Amino acid sequence: MRITSTSCICPVLVCLCFVQRCYGAAHHGSIKVTRNQTKHIEGETEVHHRPKRGWVWNQFFVLEEHMGPDPQYVGKLHSNSDKGDGSVKYILTGEGAGTIFIIDDTTGDIHSTKSLDREQKTHYVLHAQAIDRRTNKPLEPESEFIIKVQDINDNAPKFTDGPYIVTVPEMSEMGTSVLQVTATDADDPTYGNSARVVYSILQGQPYFSVDPKTGVIRTALHNMDREAREHYSVVIQAKDMAGQVGGLSGSTTVNITLTDVNDNPPRFPQKHYQLYVPESAQVGSAVGKIKANDADTGSNADMKYTIINGDGSGVFSISTDKDTREGILSLKKPLNYEKKKSYTLNIEGANTHLDFRFSHLGPFKDVTMLKIIVGDVDEPPLFSMPSYVMEVYENAEIGTAVGTVTAQDPDAANSLVRYFIDRNTEEDSYFTIDASTGTIKTAKIFDREETPWYNITVAASEIDNPALVSHVPVGVRILDVNDNPPELSREYDVIVCEDSKPGQVTLTVIQTITATDKDNSANGARFHFSLEEGLSLNPNFTLRDNEDNTASILTRRRRYSRTTQDIYYLPVLISDGGVPPLSSSSTLTIRVCACERDGRVRTCHAEAFLSSAGLSTGALIAILLCVVILLAIVVLFITLRRSKKEPLIISEEDVRENVVTYDDEGGGEEDTEAFDITALRNPSAAEELKYRRDVRPEVKPASRHHPSSSLDSIDVQEFIKQRLAEADLDPSVPPYDSLQTYAYEGHRSEAGSISSLDSATTHSDQDYNYLGDWGPEFKKLAELYGEIESERTT
């Protein structure tokens, strides 16, 4: 099958197509595709021969954007089997077959029915086949060919990234690269000049230029000054067809801004300035501003102001405001019109960021002269001192002079001054001041121990102009006088062991005491301790002054006994060294306690023991409260238990005995029986009838008391019957026998007691100190005999 293309539009293409067709006809001719033929020769087998195919022109071209009324002819398909009788049918399949491309199934002509766009699709792949129209059998194998869309110049160049914003430093060299722009053309760059773009500048000359091939924008002038012009708008054009007539073009805008460099030095608008400052200006306050102009911006315009010379450099200072770039003039020392009426300053303003490329344009600093005129104002009175400190003794009489403040008018008029105290606090009411002389006096009685220092504020104003007021602080120290006697520094709990340590002698130190005095050290630093005079010599304890503001309490005996006396009182007299000396009397409480052999307290009086144990008053109250609550619970439990009534009628199955427990000791050696009859006749037991302990009686018996004289004549049997009758008449008694006890121990044994408890009443000269060496088993015995020996010695 032969594919013939006739889509040649230009003379060159026509020649190429003609050459192609002639070349195909001369060298290849029409490819005749015949069916397989079999030659039968007698005596020979059938031989199959592969059909030969001719050369196939397998590529067509079709112009894009075809706008004609008729379908665009693309090419022709032809099979060698086609004899022109219409027996061959051509079939077209593949991309766009039947929709974009149609074929005449008889002639094989291919047409394009739609306008194509190469930028959307550059080529189409199709398949062609020739079949027998009668049998629908293929006359040759299927052939593949391509239809390419031929480009035309239908797309203009485009700047996809525009518009552009770019900066370049001012004063740049000519030819400095600013930006490279790029335009794209959607046409086929491999075919003709449709996609060949050249650049040109439409707006922005003579300041900038553009390279026609690369699109690089460069500066075209020397020393472009930002201060003269800062912004430029440059229009760049891109044109295809290599810039020839008829080419398509596109343009973009490039906004170029010149950035600042430090190429302008600062300049003061004037070489001489004058400033008026009143003498009342406060130290540290700003009194004026000055500014040097700089055409640059940003950090290139930053500058620093300094005072380089002048007679006011020690009185004034200058600083730089970074926001406004102004020099702020401040006052370092107070002004006085009466002493100096004007000052002269030389002020320099210099850039802080220099660019040495432009140093030839300098120097980048400027100097101006500033004259300051001091203005005279009516000033308030001026005190002779910035503050005052005065002293006065405590207990001084009202009206006592404390001190004097002095102020005067600093102006030339020298007006009279009036003094007064600012009544802002309560402390100001303790003093008064003479309005003319400034003498401060007391208005109340002072107590140094209550308030040792007072702070007041004294004001002074001119009589001619009361609105001008000045103030000064005055501190008053209250001096001490000896008006407080010394006293013990704390409450002492002195303890002495009732048994002396081995080898202990009299005059043993048991406590060291100290004293305090509310007065200061000048009136109470030295304390003297002694026993009160006029009292008899204390045989138990004495006191020794250690002459270091402490005193020691000493014992006069070797042994003390709690059973004899457990608390001793020792009056102590304390005096100070002030003028006049003062004294006070205090009483020490000394407790006698039992101690271990190493001196540790073992037991003592309840209060002393608890105190030595470190229990506070709150802890004692809590313990007592707990004990009271426990006792209340026990009493309530017993009361509820006794209030329960037992039933009078007990079931037959409830057979039990009522056993009442008691803690009676018994009758001693003579009580050999389980129950002593003599106990029933005990007179003390017969005086009052005992109630049952297990049942609370509700009815009082008719007879409770009998004369003891008649009791001796009553027989034991009658006595028991009487008690039985009383029990029968008691309605609260249960209907079963119970054992009633009587709290009678019995008569004393004639043999006497073998206990040694009463042996201490007998006198003996024997020394029992050796019992203390027998060990802990005999400690109690040694303590008992130690007490007897101590009492005998006393």
Foldseek 3Di string as FASTA:
>chain_A
DEKQWDPQDDPVSNVVSVVVVVVCCVPFNAWAQADWDWDDDPPDDTDTDDTDTTDYPFEWEDEAPDDDPDFAWIIFDDHNVCPLPQQKFKDKDFPCEPNQWDADRRGRTITGDDGHDCLVPFKTKMKMFIAGNVPRHTSDDIDIHMYGHDWDLDWAWDFPPDDAEWEDAFQDAFFAWTDATDTFTSTDPVDAFSTQKFKFWDDDPPQWGAHGRGRTITGNDGGHDVLVPFKDKIKMKIWINNPDPPTHMDIGIYIYGHAYDLQWAWAFPDQEAEFEDELPDDAFDFRDKGATDTSHDDLSPAKFKAFPDWPCNVQWGWGADRVVRMITIGGHDGDDCVVDFKIKTKMKIFRPDDDVVNVVSDDRMDIHMYMYGYHYDFAWWDWPDQAAEWEDAAQDDFFAWTAFTDTWGPDPVTAAKFKFWPPPDPLSQQWGAHGRGRIITGHDGDDCLVPQKGKTKMKMGGPVDRVRIDIHIYMYGYAYAQDWWKDWPDADAFEDEQAAAVPDDWFDFRDKTAIDTSTDCQAFVWKDKAFDPPDPDDQFWGKADPRRRMITITGNDRGHDVVVPFKDKTKMKMWGDGVVIDIDIDIHIYGYAHADNVGHGDGTPPVSVCVVVPDDPVNVVVVVVVVVVVVVVVVVVVVVQQPDADDQDDDPVPDDADADDDDADAQPPPRPDPDDLVVLLDLVQQQFDDDDPNHDFDDDFPDTGDDNVVSVVDDSVVSVVVVVVSLVPGVRRHPDDHDDDTRDHHDDDPVDDPDCPPVLVDDDPDDPCCLVVPDPVSVVVNVVVVVSVVVVVD
